[in-house]
PDB file of all heavy atoms in Angstrom:
ATOM      1  N   LYS A   1       0.833  -1.209   0.000  1.00  0.00           N
ATOM      2  CA  LYS A   1       0.000   0.000   0.000  1.00  0.00           C
ATOM      3  C   LYS A   1       0.865   1.255   0.000  1.00  0.00           C
ATOM      4  O   LYS A   1       0.559   2.231  -0.694  1.00  0.00           O
ATOM      5  CB  LYS A   1      -0.954  -0.013   1.187  1.00  0.00           C
ATOM      6  CG  LYS A   1      -2.037  -1.066   1.028  1.00  0.00           C
ATOM      7  CD  LYS A   1      -2.968  -1.115   2.211  1.00  0.00           C
ATOM      8  CE  LYS A   1      -4.031  -2.192   1.983  1.00  0.00           C
ATOM      9  NZ  LYS A   1      -4.963  -2.288   3.107  1.00  0.00           N
ATOM     10  N   GLN A   2       1.956   1.234   0.741  1.00  0.00           N
ATOM     11  CA  GLN A   2       2.882   2.364   0.735  1.00  0.00           C
ATOM     12  C   GLN A   2       3.478   2.556  -0.657  1.00  0.00           C
ATOM     13  O   GLN A   2       3.540   3.684  -1.169  1.00  0.00           O
ATOM     14  CB  GLN A   2       4.011   2.133   1.750  1.00  0.00           C
ATOM     15  CG  GLN A   2       3.576   2.194   3.187  1.00  0.00           C
ATOM     16  CD  GLN A   2       4.681   1.778   4.142  1.00  0.00           C
ATOM     17  OE1 GLN A   2       5.579   1.019   3.781  1.00  0.00           O
ATOM     18  NE2 GLN A   2       4.611   2.276   5.375  1.00  0.00           N
ATOM     19  N   ILE A   3       3.900   1.464  -1.259  1.00  0.00           N
ATOM     20  CA  ILE A   3       4.482   1.524  -2.608  1.00  0.00           C
ATOM     21  C   ILE A   3       3.487   2.135  -3.583  1.00  0.00           C
ATOM     22  O   ILE A   3       3.831   3.021  -4.387  1.00  0.00           O
ATOM     23  CB  ILE A   3       4.935   0.124  -3.074  1.00  0.00           C
ATOM     24  CG1 ILE A   3       6.114  -0.365  -2.222  1.00  0.00           C
ATOM     25  CG2 ILE A   3       5.292   0.129  -4.560  1.00  0.00           C
ATOM     26  CD1 ILE A   3       6.418  -1.852  -2.390  1.00  0.00           C
ATOM     27  N   ARG A   4       2.249   1.700  -3.530  1.00  0.00           N
ATOM     28  CA  ARG A   4       1.224   2.201  -4.455  1.00  0.00           C
ATOM     29  C   ARG A   4       0.991   3.700  -4.270  1.00  0.00           C
ATOM     30  O   ARG A   4       0.848   4.440  -5.232  1.00  0.00           O
ATOM     31  CB  ARG A   4      -0.089   1.430  -4.276  1.00  0.00           C
ATOM     32  CG  ARG A   4       0.011  -0.056  -4.556  1.00  0.00           C
ATOM     33  CD  ARG A   4       0.468  -0.373  -5.936  1.00  0.00           C
ATOM     34  NE  ARG A   4      -0.572  -0.044  -6.890  1.00  0.00           N
ATOM     35  CZ  ARG A   4      -0.457  -0.122  -8.198  1.00  0.00           C
ATOM     36  NH1 ARG A   4       0.663  -0.527  -8.737  1.00  0.00           N
ATOM     37  NH2 ARG A   4      -1.444   0.193  -8.985  1.00  0.00           N
ATOM     38  N   HIS A   5       0.952   4.144  -3.017  1.00  0.00           N
ATOM     39  CA  HIS A   5       0.778   5.580  -2.759  1.00  0.00           C
ATOM     40  C   HIS A   5       1.954   6.376  -3.309  1.00  0.00           C
ATOM     41  O   HIS A   5       1.767   7.438  -3.921  1.00  0.00           O
ATOM     42  CB  HIS A   5       0.626   5.842  -1.259  1.00  0.00           C
ATOM     43  CG  HIS A   5      -0.738   5.550  -0.713  1.00  0.00           C
ATOM     44  ND1 HIS A   5      -1.808   6.389  -0.902  1.00  0.00           N
ATOM     45  CD2 HIS A   5      -1.197   4.508   0.017  1.00  0.00           C
ATOM     46  CE1 HIS A   5      -2.882   5.880  -0.316  1.00  0.00           C
ATOM     47  NE2 HIS A   5      -2.532   4.729   0.248  1.00  0.00           N
ATOM     48  N   LEU A   6       3.153   5.889  -3.093  1.00  0.00           N
ATOM     49  CA  LEU A   6       4.333   6.609  -3.560  1.00  0.00           C
ATOM     50  C   LEU A   6       4.434   6.600  -5.087  1.00  0.00           C
ATOM     51  O   LEU A   6       4.824   7.601  -5.692  1.00  0.00           O
ATOM     52  CB  LEU A   6       5.592   6.030  -2.913  1.00  0.00           C
ATOM     53  CG  LEU A   6       5.671   6.248  -1.391  1.00  0.00           C
ATOM     54  CD1 LEU A   6       6.795   5.419  -0.785  1.00  0.00           C
ATOM     55  CD2 LEU A   6       5.830   7.720  -1.051  1.00  0.00           C
ATOM     56  N   LEU A   7       4.058   5.487  -5.709  1.00  0.00           N
ATOM     57  CA  LEU A   7       4.005   5.458  -7.176  1.00  0.00           C
ATOM     58  C   LEU A   7       2.985   6.467  -7.683  1.00  0.00           C
ATOM     59  O   LEU A   7       3.216   7.148  -8.686  1.00  0.00           O
ATOM     60  CB  LEU A   7       3.655   4.053  -7.683  1.00  0.00           C
ATOM     61  CG  LEU A   7       4.753   3.013  -7.612  1.00  0.00           C
ATOM     62  CD1 LEU A   7       4.185   1.621  -7.899  1.00  0.00           C
ATOM     63  CD2 LEU A   7       5.885   3.328  -8.563  1.00  0.00           C
ATOM     64  N   GLY A   8       1.864   6.573  -6.986  1.00  0.00           N
ATOM     65  CA  GLY A   8       0.820   7.530  -7.351  1.00  0.00           C
ATOM     66  C   GLY A   8       1.294   8.978  -7.260  1.00  0.00           C
ATOM     67  O   GLY A   8       0.739   9.860  -7.915  1.00  0.00           O
ATOM     68  N   ALA A   9       2.325   9.216  -6.444  1.00  0.00           N
ATOM     69  CA  ALA A   9       2.895  10.558  -6.329  1.00  0.00           C
ATOM     70  C   ALA A   9       3.916  10.826  -7.424  1.00  0.00           C
ATOM     71  O   ALA A   9       4.545  11.886  -7.451  1.00  0.00           O
ATOM     72  CB  ALA A   9       3.545  10.725  -4.950  1.00  0.00           C
ATOM     73  N   GLY A  10       4.107   9.857  -8.325  1.00  0.00           N
ATOM     74  CA  GLY A  10       5.020  10.056  -9.438  1.00  0.00           C
ATOM     75  C   GLY A  10       6.455   9.668  -9.146  1.00  0.00           C
ATOM     76  O   GLY A  10       7.343   9.970  -9.935  1.00  0.00           O
ATOM     77  N   LEU A  11       6.678   8.987  -8.024  1.00  0.00           N
ATOM     78  CA  LEU A  11       8.036   8.574  -7.693  1.00  0.00           C
ATOM     79  C   LEU A  11       8.399   7.311  -8.455  1.00  0.00           C
ATOM     80  O   LEU A  11       7.544   6.456  -8.703  1.00  0.00           O
ATOM     81  CB  LEU A  11       8.158   8.340  -6.189  1.00  0.00           C
ATOM     82  CG  LEU A  11       7.936   9.578  -5.320  1.00  0.00           C
ATOM     83  CD1 LEU A  11       7.802   9.202  -3.862  1.00  0.00           C
ATOM     84  CD2 LEU A  11       9.079  10.563  -5.508  1.00  0.00           C
ATOM     85  N   SER A  12       9.646   7.182  -8.812  1.00  0.00           N
ATOM     86  CA  SER A  12      10.120   5.981  -9.506  1.00  0.00           C
ATOM     87  C   SER A  12      10.369   4.884  -8.477  1.00  0.00           C
ATOM     88  O   SER A  12      10.475   5.144  -7.271  1.00  0.00           O
ATOM     89  CB  SER A  12      11.421   6.288 -10.255  1.00  0.00           C
ATOM     90  OG  SER A  12      12.470   6.514  -9.329  1.00  0.00           O
ATOM     91  N   SER A  13      10.510   3.654  -8.943  1.00  0.00           N
ATOM     92  CA  SER A  13      10.801   2.554  -8.026  1.00  0.00           C
ATOM     93  C   SER A  13      12.154   2.773  -7.349  1.00  0.00           C
ATOM     94  O   SER A  13      12.341   2.418  -6.183  1.00  0.00           O
ATOM     95  CB  SER A  13      10.747   1.211  -8.747  1.00  0.00           C
ATOM     96  OG  SER A  13      11.661   1.178  -9.813  1.00  0.00           O
ATOM     97  N   GLU A  14      13.079   3.398  -8.047  1.00  0.00           N
ATOM     98  CA  GLU A  14      14.381   3.717  -7.444  1.00  0.00           C
ATOM     99  C   GLU A  14      14.212   4.724  -6.306  1.00  0.00           C
ATOM    100  O   GLU A  14      14.797   4.576  -5.237  1.00  0.00           O
ATOM    101  CB  GLU A  14      15.329   4.266  -8.512  1.00  0.00           C
ATOM    102  CG  GLU A  14      16.728   4.533  -8.012  1.00  0.00           C
ATOM    103  CD  GLU A  14      17.637   5.061  -9.115  1.00  0.00           C
ATOM    104  OE1 GLU A  14      17.362   4.849 -10.302  1.00  0.00           O
ATOM    105  OE2 GLU A  14      18.631   5.704  -8.759  1.00  0.00           O
ATOM    106  N   ASP A  15      13.397   5.760  -6.539  1.00  0.00           N
ATOM    107  CA  ASP A  15      13.112   6.738  -5.488  1.00  0.00           C
ATOM    108  C   ASP A  15      12.456   6.059  -4.293  1.00  0.00           C
ATOM    109  O   ASP A  15      12.800   6.312  -3.145  1.00  0.00           O
ATOM    110  CB  ASP A  15      12.171   7.838  -5.996  1.00  0.00           C
ATOM    111  CG  ASP A  15      12.779   8.731  -7.062  1.00  0.00           C
ATOM    112  OD1 ASP A  15      14.016   8.873  -7.095  1.00  0.00           O
ATOM    113  OD2 ASP A  15      11.998   9.287  -7.869  1.00  0.00           O
ATOM    114  N   ILE A  16      11.495   5.198  -4.591  1.00  0.00           N
ATOM    115  CA  ILE A  16      10.736   4.541  -3.529  1.00  0.00           C
ATOM    116  C   ILE A  16      11.641   3.638  -2.696  1.00  0.00           C
ATOM    117  O   ILE A  16      11.525   3.602  -1.465  1.00  0.00           O
ATOM    118  CB  ILE A  16       9.540   3.767  -4.114  1.00  0.00           C
ATOM    119  CG1 ILE A  16       8.535   4.766  -4.706  1.00  0.00           C
ATOM    120  CG2 ILE A  16       8.869   2.900  -3.045  1.00  0.00           C
ATOM    121  CD1 ILE A  16       7.441   4.144  -5.531  1.00  0.00           C
ATOM    122  N   ALA A  17      12.545   2.921  -3.338  1.00  0.00           N
ATOM    123  CA  ALA A  17      13.471   2.071  -2.588  1.00  0.00           C
ATOM    124  C   ALA A  17      14.257   2.899  -1.584  1.00  0.00           C
ATOM    125  O   ALA A  17      14.529   2.448  -0.474  1.00  0.00           O
ATOM    126  CB  ALA A  17      14.407   1.344  -3.546  1.00  0.00           C
ATOM    127  N   TYR A  18      14.581   4.095  -1.972  1.00  0.00           N
ATOM    128  CA  TYR A  18      15.331   4.992  -1.105  1.00  0.00           C
ATOM    129  C   TYR A  18      14.453   5.526   0.036  1.00  0.00           C
ATOM    130  O   TYR A  18      14.914   5.698   1.159  1.00  0.00           O
ATOM    131  CB  TYR A  18      15.878   6.140  -1.956  1.00  0.00           C
ATOM    132  CG  TYR A  18      16.775   7.094  -1.219  1.00  0.00           C
ATOM    133  CD1 TYR A  18      18.069   6.740  -0.878  1.00  0.00           C
ATOM    134  CD2 TYR A  18      16.321   8.362  -0.881  1.00  0.00           C
ATOM    135  CE1 TYR A  18      18.906   7.622  -0.211  1.00  0.00           C
ATOM    136  CE2 TYR A  18      17.145   9.258  -0.216  1.00  0.00           C
ATOM    137  CZ  TYR A  18      18.435   8.883   0.116  1.00  0.00           C
ATOM    138  OH  TYR A  18      19.244   9.753   0.783  1.00  0.00           O
ATOM    139  N   LEU A  19      13.165   5.775  -0.271  1.00  0.00           N
ATOM    140  CA  LEU A  19      12.258   6.401   0.693  1.00  0.00           C
ATOM    141  C   LEU A  19      11.613   5.429   1.674  1.00  0.00           C
ATOM    142  O   LEU A  19      11.257   5.821   2.785  1.00  0.00           O
ATOM    143  CB  LEU A  19      11.137   7.140  -0.050  1.00  0.00           C
ATOM    144  CG  LEU A  19      11.534   8.235  -1.023  1.00  0.00           C
ATOM    145  CD1 LEU A  19      10.307   8.781  -1.725  1.00  0.00           C
ATOM    146  CD2 LEU A  19      12.281   9.345  -0.320  1.00  0.00           C
ATOM    147  N   LEU A  20      11.414   4.183   1.281  1.00  0.00           N
ATOM    148  CA  LEU A  20      10.654   3.244   2.106  1.00  0.00           C
ATOM    149  C   LEU A  20      11.150   3.090   3.538  1.00  0.00           C
ATOM    150  O   LEU A  20      10.321   2.974   4.444  1.00  0.00           O
ATOM    151  CB  LEU A  20      10.561   1.874   1.423  1.00  0.00           C
ATOM    152  CG  LEU A  20       9.429   1.746   0.412  1.00  0.00           C
ATOM    153  CD1 LEU A  20       9.485   0.382  -0.265  1.00  0.00           C
ATOM    154  CD2 LEU A  20       8.074   1.974   1.035  1.00  0.00           C
ATOM    155  N   PRO A  21      12.438   3.105   3.792  1.00  0.00           N
ATOM    156  CA  PRO A  21      12.860   2.997   5.192  1.00  0.00           C
ATOM    157  C   PRO A  21      12.353   4.147   6.069  1.00  0.00           C
ATOM    158  O   PRO A  21      12.263   4.004   7.278  1.00  0.00           O
ATOM    159  CB  PRO A  21      14.391   3.005   5.108  1.00  0.00           C
ATOM    160  CG  PRO A  21      14.688   2.494   3.746  1.00  0.00           C
ATOM    161  CD  PRO A  21      13.583   3.019   2.885  1.00  0.00           C
ATOM    162  N   CYS A  22      11.980   5.259   5.453  1.00  0.00           N
ATOM    163  CA  CYS A  22      11.476   6.416   6.195  1.00  0.00           C
ATOM    164  C   CYS A  22       9.948   6.476   6.215  1.00  0.00           C
ATOM    165  O   CYS A  22       9.376   7.435   6.711  1.00  0.00           O
ATOM    166  CB  CYS A  22      12.011   7.702   5.567  1.00  0.00           C
ATOM    167  SG  CYS A  22      13.809   7.826   5.569  1.00  0.00           S
ATOM    168  N   ALA A  23       9.275   5.477   5.658  1.00  0.00           N
ATOM    169  CA  ALA A  23       7.818   5.488   5.536  1.00  0.00           C
ATOM    170  C   ALA A  23       7.166   4.893   6.781  1.00  0.00           C
ATOM    171  O   ALA A  23       7.562   3.842   7.261  1.00  0.00           O
ATOM    172  CB  ALA A  23       7.393   4.700   4.302  1.00  0.00           C
ATOM    173  N   VAL A  24       6.131   5.599   7.247  1.00  0.00           N
ATOM    174  CA  VAL A  24       5.361   5.138   8.393  1.00  0.00           C
ATOM    175  C   VAL A  24       3.886   5.234   8.028  1.00  0.00           C
ATOM    176  O   VAL A  24       3.419   6.272   7.565  1.00  0.00           O
ATOM    177  CB  VAL A  24       5.648   6.023   9.637  1.00  0.00           C
ATOM    178  CG1 VAL A  24       4.795   5.598  10.809  1.00  0.00           C
ATOM    179  CG2 VAL A  24       7.126   5.996   9.985  1.00  0.00           C
ATOM    180  N   GLY A  25       3.149   4.151   8.205  1.00  0.00           N
ATOM    181  CA  GLY A  25       1.715   4.157   7.932  1.00  0.00           C
ATOM    182  C   GLY A  25       1.395   3.917   6.471  1.00  0.00           C
ATOM    183  O   GLY A  25       2.270   3.884   5.610  1.00  0.00           O
ATOM    184  N   GLU A  26       0.086   3.737   6.200  1.00  0.00           N
ATOM    185  CA  GLU A  26      -0.355   3.380   4.855  1.00  0.00           C
ATOM    186  C   GLU A  26      -0.215   4.517   3.867  1.00  0.00           C
ATOM    187  O   GLU A  26       0.102   4.303   2.705  1.00  0.00           O
ATOM    188  CB  GLU A  26      -1.811   2.913   4.899  1.00  0.00           C
ATOM    189  CG  GLU A  26      -2.342   2.445   3.571  1.00  0.00           C
ATOM    190  CD  GLU A  26      -3.767   1.938   3.656  1.00  0.00           C
ATOM    191  OE1 GLU A  26      -4.122   1.306   4.662  1.00  0.00           O
ATOM    192  OE2 GLU A  26      -4.514   2.181   2.701  1.00  0.00           O
ATOM    193  N   ALA A  27      -0.437   5.763   4.279  1.00  0.00           N
ATOM    194  CA  ALA A  27      -0.531   6.892   3.346  1.00  0.00           C
ATOM    195  C   ALA A  27       0.698   7.136   2.481  1.00  0.00           C
ATOM    196  O   ALA A  27       0.525   7.528   1.354  1.00  0.00           O
ATOM    197  CB  ALA A  27      -0.935   8.161   4.064  1.00  0.00           C
ATOM    198  N   PRO A  28       1.907   6.929   2.764  1.00  0.00           N
ATOM    199  CA  PRO A  28       2.555   6.863   4.072  1.00  0.00           C
ATOM    200  C   PRO A  28       3.014   8.243   4.508  1.00  0.00           C
ATOM    201  O   PRO A  28       3.116   9.167   3.711  1.00  0.00           O
ATOM    202  CB  PRO A  28       3.747   5.958   3.818  1.00  0.00           C
ATOM    203  CG  PRO A  28       4.148   6.261   2.431  1.00  0.00           C
ATOM    204  CD  PRO A  28       2.849   6.564   1.709  1.00  0.00           C
ATOM    205  N   GLU A  29       3.303   8.368   5.779  1.00  0.00           N
ATOM    206  CA  GLU A  29       3.943   9.571   6.297  1.00  0.00           C
ATOM    207  C   GLU A  29       5.444   9.331   6.195  1.00  0.00           C
ATOM    208  O   GLU A  29       5.926   8.243   6.524  1.00  0.00           O
ATOM    209  CB  GLU A  29       3.543   9.780   7.752  1.00  0.00           C
ATOM    210  CG  GLU A  29       4.073  11.046   8.350  1.00  0.00           C
ATOM    211  CD  GLU A  29       3.574  11.253   9.775  1.00  0.00           C
ATOM    212  OE1 GLU A  29       2.469  10.806  10.094  1.00  0.00           O
ATOM    213  OE2 GLU A  29       4.323  11.854  10.552  1.00  0.00           O
ATOM    214  N   LEU A  30       6.162  10.301   5.705  1.00  0.00           N
ATOM    215  CA  LEU A  30       7.605  10.151   5.520  1.00  0.00           C
ATOM    216  C   LEU A  30       8.341  11.002   6.543  1.00  0.00           C
ATOM    217  O   LEU A  30       8.020  12.174   6.728  1.00  0.00           O
ATOM    218  CB  LEU A  30       8.020  10.559   4.106  1.00  0.00           C
ATOM    219  CG  LEU A  30       7.380   9.739   2.985  1.00  0.00           C
ATOM    220  CD1 LEU A  30       7.715  10.350   1.634  1.00  0.00           C
ATOM    221  CD2 LEU A  30       7.834   8.304   3.049  1.00  0.00           C
ATOM    222  N   LEU A  31       9.292  10.404   7.206  1.00  0.00           N
ATOM    223  CA  LEU A  31      10.115  11.133   8.159  1.00  0.00           C
ATOM    224  C   LEU A  31      10.985  12.109   7.388  1.00  0.00           C
ATOM    225  O   LEU A  31      11.523  11.776   6.330  1.00  0.00           O
ATOM    226  CB  LEU A  31      10.973  10.163   8.968  1.00  0.00           C
ATOM    227  CG  LEU A  31      10.190   9.054   9.691  1.00  0.00           C
ATOM    228  CD1 LEU A  31      11.145   8.086  10.366  1.00  0.00           C
ATOM    229  CD2 LEU A  31       9.217   9.648  10.696  1.00  0.00           C
ATOM    230  N   GLY A  32      11.146  13.311   7.896  1.00  0.00           N
ATOM    231  CA  GLY A  32      11.802  14.381   7.137  1.00  0.00           C
ATOM    232  C   GLY A  32      13.299  14.461   7.270  1.00  0.00           C
ATOM    233  O   GLY A  32      13.821  15.533   7.548  1.00  0.00           O
ATOM    234  N   CYS A  33      14.000  13.381   7.043  1.00  0.00           N
ATOM    235  CA  CYS A  33      15.460  13.449   7.092  1.00  0.00           C
ATOM    236  C   CYS A  33      15.971  14.207   5.858  1.00  0.00           C
ATOM    237  O   CYS A  33      15.331  14.209   4.814  1.00  0.00           O
ATOM    238  CB  CYS A  33      16.069  12.059   7.193  1.00  0.00           C
ATOM    239  SG  CYS A  33      15.620  10.950   5.864  1.00  0.00           S
ATOM    240  N   PRO A  34      17.123  14.863   5.973  1.00  0.00           N
ATOM    241  CA  PRO A  34      17.629  15.698   4.862  1.00  0.00           C
ATOM    242  C   PRO A  34      17.788  14.943   3.547  1.00  0.00           C
ATOM    243  O   PRO A  34      17.472  15.479   2.480  1.00  0.00           O
ATOM    244  CB  PRO A  34      18.989  16.186   5.375  1.00  0.00           C
ATOM    245  CG  PRO A  34      18.900  16.107   6.854  1.00  0.00           C
ATOM    246  CD  PRO A  34      17.985  14.952   7.154  1.00  0.00           C
ATOM    247  N   GLU A  35      18.267  13.693   3.587  1.00  0.00           N
ATOM    248  CA  GLU A  35      18.452  12.931   2.351  1.00  0.00           C
ATOM    249  C   GLU A  35      17.112  12.666   1.660  1.00  0.00           C
ATOM    250  O   GLU A  35      17.007  12.737   0.444  1.00  0.00           O
ATOM    251  CB  GLU A  35      19.149  11.593   2.640  1.00  0.00           C
ATOM    252  CG  GLU A  35      20.537  11.732   3.217  1.00  0.00           C
ATOM    253  CD  GLU A  35      20.532  11.863   4.749  1.00  0.00           C
ATOM    254  OE1 GLU A  35      19.454  11.778   5.376  1.00  0.00           O
ATOM    255  OE2 GLU A  35      21.617  12.072   5.308  1.00  0.00           O
ATOM    256  N   LEU A  36      16.101  12.372   2.465  1.00  0.00           N
ATOM    257  CA  LEU A  36      14.767  12.113   1.935  1.00  0.00           C
ATOM    258  C   LEU A  36      14.206  13.361   1.267  1.00  0.00           C
ATOM    259  O   LEU A  36      13.683  13.312   0.156  1.00  0.00           O
ATOM    260  CB  LEU A  36      13.853  11.642   3.064  1.00  0.00           C
ATOM    261  CG  LEU A  36      12.382  11.484   2.727  1.00  0.00           C
ATOM    262  CD1 LEU A  36      12.202  10.287   1.813  1.00  0.00           C
ATOM    263  CD2 LEU A  36      11.578  11.296   3.989  1.00  0.00           C
ATOM    264  N   LEU A  37      14.315  14.482   1.950  1.00  0.00           N
ATOM    265  CA  LEU A  37      13.803  15.733   1.389  1.00  0.00           C
ATOM    266  C   LEU A  37      14.524  16.092   0.095  1.00  0.00           C
ATOM    267  O   LEU A  37      13.901  16.536  -0.869  1.00  0.00           O
ATOM    268  CB  LEU A  37      13.932  16.855   2.415  1.00  0.00           C
ATOM    269  CG  LEU A  37      13.002  16.735   3.615  1.00  0.00           C
ATOM    270  CD1 LEU A  37      13.377  17.751   4.684  1.00  0.00           C
ATOM    271  CD2 LEU A  37      11.562  16.896   3.193  1.00  0.00           C
ATOM    272  N   ALA A  38      15.826  15.879   0.050  1.00  0.00           N
ATOM    273  CA  ALA A  38      16.583  16.173  -1.165  1.00  0.00           C
ATOM    274  C   ALA A  38      16.111  15.295  -2.324  1.00  0.00           C
ATOM    275  O   ALA A  38      15.937  15.777  -3.449  1.00  0.00           O
ATOM    276  CB  ALA A  38      18.076  15.966  -0.914  1.00  0.00           C
ATOM    277  N   ALA A  39      15.859  14.018  -2.062  1.00  0.00           N
ATOM    278  CA  ALA A  39      15.391  13.104  -3.109  1.00  0.00           C
ATOM    279  C   ALA A  39      14.017  13.524  -3.617  1.00  0.00           C
ATOM    280  O   ALA A  39      13.763  13.527  -4.833  1.00  0.00           O
ATOM    281  CB  ALA A  39      15.345  11.679  -2.577  1.00  0.00           C
ATOM    282  N   MET A  40      13.122  13.909  -2.709  1.00  0.00           N
ATOM    283  CA  MET A  40      11.779  14.318  -3.131  1.00  0.00           C
ATOM    284  C   MET A  40      11.815  15.643  -3.884  1.00  0.00           C
ATOM    285  O   MET A  40      11.090  15.814  -4.858  1.00  0.00           O
ATOM    286  CB  MET A  40      10.843  14.384  -1.924  1.00  0.00           C
ATOM    287  CG  MET A  40      10.492  13.013  -1.376  1.00  0.00           C
ATOM    288  SD  MET A  40       9.166  13.004  -0.154  1.00  0.00           S
ATOM    289  CE  MET A  40       9.852  13.972   1.158  1.00  0.00           C
ATOM    290  N   ARG A  41      12.672  16.548  -3.468  1.00  0.00           N
ATOM    291  CA  ARG A  41      12.793  17.825  -4.189  1.00  0.00           C
ATOM    292  C   ARG A  41      13.356  17.615  -5.590  1.00  0.00           C
ATOM    293  O   ARG A  41      12.934  18.268  -6.546  1.00  0.00           O
ATOM    294  CB  ARG A  41      13.662  18.795  -3.398  1.00  0.00           C
ATOM    295  CG  ARG A  41      12.945  19.368  -2.198  1.00  0.00           C
ATOM    296  CD  ARG A  41      13.773  20.431  -1.492  1.00  0.00           C
ATOM    297  NE  ARG A  41      13.032  20.952  -0.366  1.00  0.00           N
ATOM    298  CZ  ARG A  41      13.423  20.845   0.903  1.00  0.00           C
ATOM    299  NH1 ARG A  41      14.567  20.254   1.206  1.00  0.00           N
ATOM    300  NH2 ARG A  41      12.692  21.345   1.867  1.00  0.00           N
ATOM    301  N   THR A  42      14.296  16.688  -5.714  1.00  0.00           N
ATOM    302  CA  THR A  42      14.851  16.371  -7.036  1.00  0.00           C
ATOM    303  C   THR A  42      13.760  15.814  -7.943  1.00  0.00           C
ATOM    304  O   THR A  42      13.639  16.198  -9.107  1.00  0.00           O
ATOM    305  CB  THR A  42      16.003  15.364  -6.893  1.00  0.00           C
ATOM    306  OG1 THR A  42      17.040  15.963  -6.125  1.00  0.00           O
ATOM    307  CG2 THR A  42      16.550  14.952  -8.258  1.00  0.00           C
ATOM    308  N   ARG A  43      12.952  14.906  -7.417  1.00  0.00           N
ATOM    309  CA  ARG A  43      11.850  14.326  -8.208  1.00  0.00           C
ATOM    310  C   ARG A  43      10.842  15.403  -8.585  1.00  0.00           C
ATOM    311  O   ARG A  43      10.352  15.436  -9.715  1.00  0.00           O
ATOM    312  CB  ARG A  43      11.180  13.199  -7.417  1.00  0.00           C
ATOM    313  CG  ARG A  43      10.033  12.553  -8.142  1.00  0.00           C
ATOM    314  CD  ARG A  43      10.477  11.922  -9.447  1.00  0.00           C
ATOM    315  NE  ARG A  43       9.356  11.298 -10.105  1.00  0.00           N
ATOM    316  CZ  ARG A  43       9.214  11.231 -11.410  1.00  0.00           C
ATOM    317  NH1 ARG A  43      10.145  11.687 -12.204  1.00  0.00           N
ATOM    318  NH2 ARG A  43       8.161  10.668 -11.939  1.00  0.00           N
ATOM    319  N   LEU A  44      10.533  16.291  -7.664  1.00  0.00           N
ATOM    320  CA  LEU A  44       9.598  17.376  -7.956  1.00  0.00           C
ATOM    321  C   LEU A  44      10.134  18.259  -9.080  1.00  0.00           C
ATOM    322  O   LEU A  44       9.388  18.651  -9.979  1.00  0.00           O
ATOM    323  CB  LEU A  44       9.341  18.210  -6.694  1.00  0.00           C
ATOM    324  CG  LEU A  44       8.389  19.393  -6.855  1.00  0.00           C
ATOM    325  CD1 LEU A  44       7.010  18.935  -7.320  1.00  0.00           C
ATOM    326  CD2 LEU A  44       8.296  20.159  -5.548  1.00  0.00           C
TER     327      LEU A  44
END
């Protein structure tokens, strides 16, 4: 369910592999570590 939500946000499977360790809950909520934020900003 987390993977599906993140794919729906336009993230690649490579991005998701990087983000999943920071995912909490189904939606998921992502912990705001600097590396995570940098990856999401790059994708944006």
